[in-house]
C-alpha atoms as a PDB file:
ATOM      1  CA  MET A   1       9.663 -13.559  -5.355  1.00  0.00           C
ATOM      2  CA  PRO A   2       7.523 -16.241  -6.986  1.00  0.00           C
ATOM      3  CA  THR A   3       4.997 -14.846  -9.428  1.00  0.00           C
ATOM      4  CA  ASN A   4       2.157 -16.795  -7.822  1.00  0.00           C
ATOM      5  CA  ALA A   5       2.906 -15.653  -4.262  1.00  0.00           C
ATOM      6  CA  PRO A   6      -0.149 -14.385  -2.388  1.00  0.00           C
ATOM      7  CA  LEU A   7       0.005 -10.806  -1.221  1.00  0.00           C
ATOM      8  CA  LEU A   8      -0.441 -10.539   2.522  1.00  0.00           C
ATOM      9  CA  HIS A   9      -2.226  -7.320   3.413  1.00  0.00           C
ATOM     10  CA  LEU A  10      -1.842  -6.006   6.958  1.00  0.00           C
ATOM     11  CA  THR A  11      -4.119  -3.236   8.198  1.00  0.00           C
ATOM     12  CA  LEU A  12      -1.958  -1.749  10.905  1.00  0.00           C
ATOM     13  CA  ASN A  13      -4.770   0.056  12.743  1.00  0.00           C
ATOM     14  CA  THR A  14      -6.569  -3.208  13.507  1.00  0.00           C
ATOM     15  CA  GLY A  15      -3.824  -5.814  13.118  1.00  0.00           C
ATOM     16  CA  HIS A  16      -6.010  -7.634  10.585  1.00  0.00           C
ATOM     17  CA  VAL A  17      -4.087  -9.739   8.040  1.00  0.00           C
ATOM     18  CA  ALA A  18      -5.655 -11.001   4.818  1.00  0.00           C
ATOM     19  CA  SER A  19      -4.184 -12.921   1.937  1.00  0.00           C
ATOM     20  CA  THR A  20      -5.216 -11.377  -1.374  1.00  0.00           C
ATOM     21  CA  PRO A  21      -3.938 -13.530  -4.225  1.00  0.00           C
ATOM     22  CA  GLY A  22      -4.763 -11.748  -7.459  1.00  0.00           C
ATOM     23  CA  LEU A  23      -8.117 -10.295  -6.444  1.00  0.00           C
ATOM     24  CA  THR A  24      -7.752  -7.297  -8.706  1.00  0.00           C
ATOM     25  CA  PRO A  25      -9.262  -7.734 -12.185  1.00  0.00           C
ATOM     26  CA  PRO A  26      -6.793  -7.089 -15.040  1.00  0.00           C
ATOM     27  CA  GLU A  27      -8.699  -3.986 -16.207  1.00  0.00           C
ATOM     28  CA  GLU A  28      -8.268  -2.405 -12.749  1.00  0.00           C
ATOM     29  CA  LEU A  29      -4.546  -3.243 -12.743  1.00  0.00           C
ATOM     30  CA  ALA A  30      -4.285  -1.594 -16.169  1.00  0.00           C
ATOM     31  CA  ALA A  31      -6.140   1.479 -14.875  1.00  0.00           C
ATOM     32  CA  VAL A  32      -3.422   2.191 -12.298  1.00  0.00           C
ATOM     33  CA  HIS A  33      -0.513   1.288 -14.595  1.00  0.00           C
ATOM     34  CA  ALA A  34       0.161   4.936 -15.487  1.00  0.00           C
ATOM     35  CA  LEU A  35       0.703   5.688 -11.789  1.00  0.00           C
ATOM     36  CA  LEU A  36       3.417   3.065 -11.255  1.00  0.00           C
ATOM     37  CA  LYS A  37       6.376   5.316 -12.077  1.00  0.00           C
ATOM     38  CA  ARG A  38       5.658   8.442 -10.052  1.00  0.00           C
ATOM     39  CA  GLY A  39       2.099   8.361  -8.791  1.00  0.00           C
ATOM     40  CA  GLY A  40      -0.105  11.366  -9.546  1.00  0.00           C
ATOM     41  CA  PRO A  41      -3.788  12.216  -9.918  1.00  0.00           C
ATOM     42  CA  ILE A  42      -6.047   9.176 -10.188  1.00  0.00           C
ATOM     43  CA  SER A  43      -8.028   9.352 -13.409  1.00  0.00           C
ATOM     44  CA  ASN A  44     -11.794   9.429 -12.934  1.00  0.00           C
ATOM     45  CA  ARG A  45     -11.294   9.887  -9.189  1.00  0.00           C
ATOM     46  CA  ALA A  46     -10.617  13.594  -8.693  1.00  0.00           C
ATOM     47  CA  PRO A  47      -9.606  14.892  -6.181  1.00  0.00           C
ATOM     48  CA  PHE A  48      -7.716  11.694  -5.209  1.00  0.00           C
ATOM     49  CA  ARG A  49      -4.012  11.319  -5.960  1.00  0.00           C
ATOM     50  CA  VAL A  50      -1.240   8.952  -4.992  1.00  0.00           C
ATOM     51  CA  ASN A  51       2.371   9.773  -4.105  1.00  0.00           C
ATOM     52  CA  LEU A  52       4.833   6.975  -4.733  1.00  0.00           C
ATOM     53  CA  ASP A  53       8.384   6.313  -3.565  1.00  0.00           C
ATOM     54  CA  ARG A  54       9.960   3.206  -5.094  1.00  0.00           C
ATOM     55  CA  GLN A  55      13.041   1.640  -3.553  1.00  0.00           C
ATOM     56  CA  ARG A  56      14.877  -1.563  -4.388  1.00  0.00           C
ATOM     57  CA  GLY A  57      12.637  -4.327  -3.094  1.00  0.00           C
ATOM     58  CA  SER A  58       9.868  -2.110  -1.699  1.00  0.00           C
ATOM     59  CA  ALA A  59       7.696   0.912  -2.344  1.00  0.00           C
ATOM     60  CA  SER A  60       5.721   3.272  -0.180  1.00  0.00           C
ATOM     61  CA  PHE A  61       2.703   5.239  -1.288  1.00  0.00           C
ATOM     62  CA  CYS A  62       0.250   7.655   0.271  1.00  0.00           C
ATOM     63  CA  LEU A  63      -3.281   8.213  -0.891  1.00  0.00           C
ATOM     64  CA  PHE A  64      -4.467  11.811  -0.738  1.00  0.00           C
ATOM     65  CA  HIS A  65      -7.927  13.366  -0.979  1.00  0.00           C
ATOM     66  CA  ARG A  66      -7.208  16.967  -1.908  1.00  0.00           C
ATOM     67  CA  LYS A  67      -4.550  17.939   0.669  1.00  0.00           C
ATOM     68  CA  LEU A  68      -5.483  15.305   3.254  1.00  0.00           C
ATOM     69  CA  THR A  69      -3.321  12.205   3.581  1.00  0.00           C
ATOM     70  CA  GLU A  70      -5.808   9.385   4.013  1.00  0.00           C
ATOM     71  CA  THR A  71      -3.606   6.295   4.053  1.00  0.00           C
ATOM     72  CA  MET A  72       0.082   5.445   4.205  1.00  0.00           C
ATOM     73  CA  ASN A  73       1.081   2.178   2.574  1.00  0.00           C
ATOM     74  CA  LEU A  74       4.199   0.066   2.340  1.00  0.00           C
ATOM     75  CA  VAL A  75       4.665  -2.805  -0.115  1.00  0.00           C
ATOM     76  CA  ALA A  76       7.670  -5.123   0.141  1.00  0.00           C
ATOM     77  CA  TRP A  77       8.693  -7.937  -2.174  1.00  0.00           C
ATOM     78  CA  GLU A  78      12.256  -8.591  -0.975  1.00  0.00           C
ATOM     79  CA  ASP A  79      13.027  -9.648   2.604  1.00  0.00           C
ATOM     80  CA  ALA A  80      15.998  -7.306   3.107  1.00  0.00           C
ATOM     81  CA  ALA A  81      14.003  -4.331   1.826  1.00  0.00           C
ATOM     82  CA  ALA A  82      11.087  -5.284   4.071  1.00  0.00           C
ATOM     83  CA  ARG A  83      13.334  -5.218   7.136  1.00  0.00           C
ATOM     84  CA  ALA A  84      14.847  -1.872   6.103  1.00  0.00           C
ATOM     85  CA  ALA A  85      11.531  -0.180   5.270  1.00  0.00           C
ATOM     86  CA  TRP A  86       9.492  -1.357   8.265  1.00  0.00           C
ATOM     87  CA  PRO A  87      10.816   1.140  10.870  1.00  0.00           C
ATOM     88  CA  GLU A  88       9.378   4.082   8.908  1.00  0.00           C
ATOM     89  CA  ILE A  89       5.793   2.870   8.918  1.00  0.00           C
ATOM     90  CA  GLU A  90       6.223   1.649  12.492  1.00  0.00           C
ATOM     91  CA  PHE A  91       7.282   5.199  13.446  1.00  0.00           C
ATOM     92  CA  PHE A  92       4.150   6.687  11.849  1.00  0.00           C
ATOM     93  CA  TYR A  93       2.007   4.071  13.583  1.00  0.00           C
ATOM     94  CA  GLN A  94       3.467   5.081  16.940  1.00  0.00           C
ATOM     95  CA  GLU A  95       2.930   8.776  16.177  1.00  0.00           C
ATOM     96  CA  LEU A  96      -0.711   8.060  15.356  1.00  0.00           C
ATOM     97  CA  ALA A  97      -1.111   5.951  18.508  1.00  0.00           C
ATOM     98  CA  ASP A  98       0.281   8.821  20.593  1.00  0.00           C
ATOM     99  CA  LEU A  99      -1.750  11.584  18.924  1.00  0.00           C
ATOM    100  CA  CYS A 100      -5.003   9.734  18.335  1.00  0.00           C
ATOM    101  CA  PRO A 101      -5.179   6.580  20.474  1.00  0.00           C
ATOM    102  CA  GLY A 102      -8.670   5.732  19.213  1.00  0.00           C
ATOM    103  CA  ALA A 103      -7.345   5.326  15.659  1.00  0.00           C
ATOM    104  CA  VAL A 104      -5.447   2.137  16.511  1.00  0.00           C
ATOM    105  CA  ALA A 105      -6.401  -1.070  18.311  1.00  0.00           C
ATOM    106  CA  THR A 106      -3.220  -1.305  20.398  1.00  0.00           C
ATOM    107  CA  ARG A 107      -0.402   1.009  21.461  1.00  0.00           C
ATOM    108  CA  ALA A 108       2.189  -1.314  19.962  1.00  0.00           C
ATOM    109  CA  CYS A 109       2.490  -1.628  16.192  1.00  0.00           C
ATOM    110  CA  PRO A 110       1.605  -5.091  14.868  1.00  0.00           C
ATOM    111  CA  PRO A 111       4.674  -7.103  13.854  1.00  0.00           C
ATOM    112  CA  ARG A 112       6.048  -7.011  10.328  1.00  0.00           C
ATOM    113  CA  PRO A 113       4.914  -9.975   8.220  1.00  0.00           C
ATOM    114  CA  LYS A 114       7.627 -12.625   8.198  1.00  0.00           C
ATOM    115  CA  THR A 115       7.497 -13.473   4.494  1.00  0.00           C
ATOM    116  CA  THR A 116       7.298 -11.314   1.386  1.00  0.00           C
ATOM    117  CA  PRO A 117       5.446 -10.093  -0.556  1.00  0.00           C
ATOM    118  CA  TRP A 118       3.219  -8.068   1.732  1.00  0.00           C
ATOM    119  CA  SER A 119       1.553  -4.704   1.967  1.00  0.00           C
ATOM    120  CA  ALA A 120       0.807  -2.738   5.117  1.00  0.00           C
ATOM    121  CA  THR A 121      -1.695   0.097   5.381  1.00  0.00           C
ATOM    122  CA  LEU A 122      -1.976   2.757   8.052  1.00  0.00           C
ATOM    123  CA  ILE A 123      -5.371   4.455   7.909  1.00  0.00           C
ATOM    124  CA  LEU A 124      -5.277   8.051   9.078  1.00  0.00           C
ATOM    125  CA  PRO A 125      -8.243   9.766  10.769  1.00  0.00           C
ATOM    126  CA  SER A 126      -8.620  12.094   7.759  1.00  0.00           C
ATOM    127  CA  LEU A 127     -10.017   9.136   5.786  1.00  0.00           C
ATOM    128  CA  HIS A 128     -13.260   9.606   7.681  1.00  0.00           C
ATOM    129  CA  HIS A 129     -13.664  13.305   6.929  1.00  0.00           C
ATOM    130  CA  VAL A 130     -17.084  14.837   6.597  1.00  0.00           C
ATOM    131  CA  GLY A 131     -18.592  14.149   3.196  1.00  0.00           C
ATOM    132  CA  GLN A 132     -16.716  10.901   2.527  1.00  0.00           C
ATOM    133  CA  SER A 133     -19.300   8.438   1.243  1.00  0.00           C
ATOM    134  CA  PRO A 134     -19.332   4.708   2.032  1.00  0.00           C
ATOM    135  CA  GLU A 135     -18.670   4.111  -1.673  1.00  0.00           C
ATOM    136  CA  GLU A 136     -15.513   6.243  -1.515  1.00  0.00           C
ATOM    137  CA  LEU A 137     -14.328   4.356   1.584  1.00  0.00           C
ATOM    138  CA  ALA A 138     -14.815   1.045  -0.228  1.00  0.00           C
ATOM    139  CA  TRP A 139     -13.003   2.451  -3.267  1.00  0.00           C
ATOM    140  CA  VAL A 140     -10.024   3.503  -1.089  1.00  0.00           C
ATOM    141  CA  ALA A 141      -9.627  -0.060   0.223  1.00  0.00           C
ATOM    142  CA  ALA A 142      -9.905  -1.500  -3.288  1.00  0.00           C
ATOM    143  CA  PHE A 143      -7.439   1.060  -4.679  1.00  0.00           C
ATOM    144  CA  GLU A 144      -4.812   0.253  -2.029  1.00  0.00           C
ATOM    145  CA  ARG A 145      -5.042  -3.446  -2.845  1.00  0.00           C
ATOM    146  CA  SER A 146      -5.040  -2.969  -6.621  1.00  0.00           C
ATOM    147  CA  PHE A 147      -2.145  -0.492  -6.511  1.00  0.00           C
ATOM    148  CA  ALA A 148      -0.071  -2.866  -4.355  1.00  0.00           C
ATOM    149  CA  GLU A 149      -0.868  -5.759  -6.703  1.00  0.00           C
ATOM    150  CA  ALA A 150      -0.023  -3.615  -9.739  1.00  0.00           C
ATOM    151  CA  LEU A 151       3.347  -2.703  -8.189  1.00  0.00           C
ATOM    152  CA  LEU A 152       4.088  -6.394  -7.656  1.00  0.00           C
ATOM    153  CA  ALA A 153       2.930  -7.330 -11.156  1.00  0.00           C
ATOM    154  CA  ASP A 154       5.181  -4.596 -12.574  1.00  0.00           C
ATOM    155  CA  VAL A 155       8.181  -5.967 -10.659  1.00  0.00           C
ATOM    156  CA  VAL A 156       7.472  -9.521 -11.832  1.00  0.00           C
ATOM    157  CA  THR A 157       6.970  -8.387 -15.438  1.00  0.00           C
ATOM    158  CA  ARG A 158      10.220  -6.419 -15.486  1.00  0.00           C
ATOM    159  CA  THR A 159      12.093  -9.322 -13.884  1.00  0.00           C
ATOM    160  CA  VAL A 160      10.752 -11.803 -16.457  1.00  0.00           C
ATOM    161  CA  ARG A 161      11.568  -9.444 -19.351  1.00  0.00           C
ATOM    162  CA  HIS A 162      15.028  -8.589 -18.046  1.00  0.00           C
ATOM    163  CA  PRO A 163      16.189 -11.418 -15.753  1.00  0.00           C
ATOM    164  CA  LYS A 164      19.554  -9.753 -15.043  1.00  0.00           C
ATOM    165  CA  HIS A 165      17.906  -6.407 -14.326  1.00  0.00           C
ATOM    166  CA  ARG A 166      16.939  -5.988 -10.666  1.00  0.00           C
ATOM    167  CA  PRO A 167      13.785  -3.844 -10.587  1.00  0.00           C
ATOM    168  CA  THR A 168      13.286  -1.164  -7.995  1.00  0.00           C
END
Protein backbone atom coordinates (compact mmCIF):
# COMPACT_ATOMS: atom_id res chain seq x y z
CA MET A 1 0.00 0.00 0.00
CA PRO A 2 1.44 3.39 -0.92
CA THR A 3 1.85 5.69 2.05
CA ASN A 4 0.06 8.53 0.27
CA ALA A 5 -2.98 6.47 -0.74
CA PRO A 6 -6.30 8.13 0.08
CA LEU A 7 -8.55 6.24 2.44
CA LEU A 8 -11.92 5.52 0.89
CA HIS A 9 -14.63 5.54 3.53
CA LEU A 10 -17.88 3.73 2.76
CA THR A 11 -20.91 4.27 4.97
CA LEU A 12 -22.78 1.06 4.35
CA ASN A 13 -26.17 2.30 5.58
CA THR A 14 -26.33 4.98 2.89
CA GLY A 15 -23.86 3.74 0.28
CA HIS A 16 -22.02 7.06 0.54
CA VAL A 17 -18.31 6.91 -0.38
CA ALA A 18 -15.85 9.65 0.55
CA SER A 19 -12.13 9.91 0.06
CA THR A 20 -10.43 11.07 3.25
CA PRO A 21 -6.73 11.59 2.59
CA GLY A 22 -5.09 12.46 5.89
CA LEU A 23 -7.91 14.53 7.37
CA THR A 24 -7.02 13.61 10.92
CA PRO A 25 -4.64 16.04 12.65
CA PRO A 26 -1.49 14.38 14.05
CA GLU A 27 -2.51 15.11 17.66
CA GLU A 28 -5.77 13.17 17.14
CA LEU A 29 -3.87 10.25 15.59
CA ALA A 30 -1.57 10.27 18.62
CA ALA A 31 -4.58 10.31 20.96
CA VAL A 32 -5.82 6.95 19.63
CA HIS A 33 -2.35 5.39 19.36
CA ALA A 34 -2.71 3.56 22.69
CA LEU A 35 -5.80 1.80 21.34
CA LEU A 36 -4.09 0.34 18.26
CA LYS A 37 -3.01 -2.94 19.86
CA ARG A 38 -6.16 -4.11 21.62
CA GLY A 39 -8.68 -1.31 21.74
CA GLY A 40 -10.13 -0.39 25.13
CA PRO A 41 -11.72 2.59 26.87
CA ILE A 42 -11.31 5.87 25.00
CA SER A 43 -9.57 8.39 27.22
CA ASN A 44 -11.59 11.53 27.91
CA ARG A 45 -14.63 9.90 26.30
CA ALA A 46 -16.15 7.68 28.98
CA PRO A 47 -18.28 5.60 28.57
CA PHE A 48 -17.06 4.98 24.98
CA ARG A 49 -14.73 2.09 24.19
CA VAL A 50 -13.45 0.36 21.09
CA ASN A 51 -12.95 -3.37 20.50
CA LEU A 52 -10.33 -4.22 17.91
CA ASP A 53 -9.53 -7.38 15.95
CA ARG A 54 -6.43 -7.09 13.77
CA GLN A 55 -5.79 -9.57 10.98
CA ARG A 56 -3.11 -9.66 8.31
CA GLY A 57 -4.08 -6.93 5.87
CA SER A 58 -7.25 -5.78 7.66
CA ALA A 59 -8.78 -4.92 11.00
CA SER A 60 -12.29 -4.73 12.33
CA PHE A 61 -13.41 -2.58 15.23
CA CYS A 62 -16.65 -1.83 17.02
CA LEU A 63 -17.41 1.35 18.88
CA PHE A 64 -19.40 0.89 22.08
CA HIS A 65 -21.26 3.36 24.29
CA ARG A 66 -21.55 1.53 27.60
CA LYS A 67 -22.91 -1.88 26.50
CA LEU A 68 -24.43 -0.69 23.22
CA THR A 69 -22.61 -1.42 19.97
CA GLU A 70 -22.96 1.78 17.98
CA THR A 71 -20.89 1.08 14.88
CA MET A 72 -19.12 -1.84 13.24
CA ASN A 73 -16.12 -0.96 11.11
CA LEU A 74 -13.80 -2.77 8.75
CA VAL A 75 -10.50 -1.37 7.48
CA ALA A 76 -8.56 -3.13 4.73
CA TRP A 77 -5.15 -2.27 3.31
CA GLU A 78 -4.38 -5.44 1.34
CA ASP A 79 -6.59 -6.65 -1.52
CA ALA A 80 -6.62 -10.33 -0.50
CA ALA A 81 -7.55 -9.44 3.08
CA ALA A 82 -10.27 -7.11 1.83
CA ARG A 83 -11.86 -9.92 -0.17
CA ALA A 84 -11.63 -12.32 2.79
CA ALA A 85 -13.00 -9.87 5.38
CA TRP A 86 -15.88 -8.42 3.36
CA PRO A 87 -18.41 -11.28 3.83
CA GLU A 88 -18.52 -10.68 7.60
CA ILE A 89 -19.59 -7.06 7.41
CA GLU A 90 -21.89 -7.90 4.50
CA PHE A 91 -23.56 -10.51 6.73
CA PHE A 92 -24.14 -7.95 9.50
CA TYR A 93 -25.49 -5.48 6.94
CA GLN A 94 -28.01 -8.06 5.76
CA GLU A 95 -29.01 -8.88 9.35
CA LEU A 96 -29.62 -5.18 10.00
CA ALA A 97 -31.58 -4.83 6.75
CA ASP A 98 -33.79 -7.76 7.77
CA LEU A 99 -34.32 -6.65 11.38
CA CYS A 100 -34.52 -2.90 10.89
CA PRO A 101 -35.17 -2.05 7.23
CA GLY A 102 -35.29 1.69 7.96
CA ALA A 103 -31.65 1.64 9.10
CA VAL A 104 -30.34 1.04 5.58
CA ALA A 105 -31.02 2.69 2.22
CA THR A 106 -31.29 -0.56 0.24
CA ARG A 107 -31.84 -4.24 0.99
CA ALA A 108 -28.62 -5.17 -0.79
CA CYS A 109 -25.28 -4.30 0.77
CA PRO A 110 -23.26 -1.77 -1.25
CA PRO A 111 -20.36 -3.38 -3.12
CA ARG A 112 -16.91 -3.67 -1.59
CA PRO A 113 -14.54 -0.92 -2.74
CA LYS A 114 -12.36 -2.22 -5.56
CA THR A 115 -9.05 -0.77 -4.38
CA THR A 116 -7.40 -0.64 -0.97
CA PRO A 117 -7.05 1.01 1.45
CA TRP A 118 -10.64 1.53 2.50
CA SER A 119 -12.82 1.57 5.57
CA ALA A 120 -16.47 0.58 5.80
CA THR A 121 -18.82 1.56 8.60
CA LEU A 122 -22.14 0.02 9.54
CA ILE A 123 -24.11 2.34 11.81
CA LEU A 124 -26.39 0.49 14.20
CA PRO A 125 -29.69 1.94 15.46
CA SER A 126 -28.26 2.14 19.00
CA LEU A 127 -26.11 5.08 17.85
CA HIS A 128 -29.23 7.23 18.04
CA HIS A 129 -30.18 6.29 21.59
CA VAL A 130 -31.94 8.75 23.82
CA GLY A 131 -29.53 11.26 25.31
CA GLN A 132 -26.95 11.11 22.50
CA SER A 133 -26.07 14.70 21.69
CA PRO A 134 -25.32 16.03 18.20
CA GLU A 135 -21.77 16.68 19.41
CA GLU A 136 -21.36 13.01 20.38
CA LEU A 137 -22.69 11.91 16.97
CA ALA A 138 -20.15 14.16 15.24
CA TRP A 139 -17.42 12.82 17.52
CA VAL A 140 -18.34 9.20 16.61
CA ALA A 141 -17.90 9.94 12.89
CA ALA A 142 -14.59 11.70 13.52
CA PHE A 143 -13.36 8.89 15.79
CA GLU A 144 -14.12 6.20 13.18
CA ARG A 145 -12.15 8.12 10.56
CA SER A 146 -9.22 8.93 12.85
CA PHE A 147 -9.02 5.37 14.19
CA ALA A 148 -9.01 3.94 10.65
CA GLU A 149 -6.32 6.43 9.61
CA ALA A 150 -4.28 5.64 12.72
CA LEU A 151 -4.46 1.91 11.93
CA LEU A 152 -3.19 2.60 8.41
CA ALA A 153 -0.45 4.93 9.66
CA ASP A 154 0.64 2.24 12.13
CA VAL A 155 0.86 -0.35 9.33
CA VAL A 156 2.87 2.02 7.12
CA THR A 157 5.19 2.97 10.00
CA ARG A 158 5.87 -0.66 10.91
CA THR A 159 6.45 -1.55 7.26
CA VAL A 160 8.93 1.31 6.79
CA ARG A 161 10.76 0.42 10.02
CA HIS A 162 10.84 -3.30 9.28
CA PRO A 163 10.52 -3.79 5.50
CA LYS A 164 10.74 -7.60 5.76
CA HIS A 165 8.18 -7.70 8.57
CA ARG A 166 4.60 -8.00 7.30
CA PRO A 167 2.38 -6.13 9.77
CA THR A 168 -0.97 -7.46 10.82
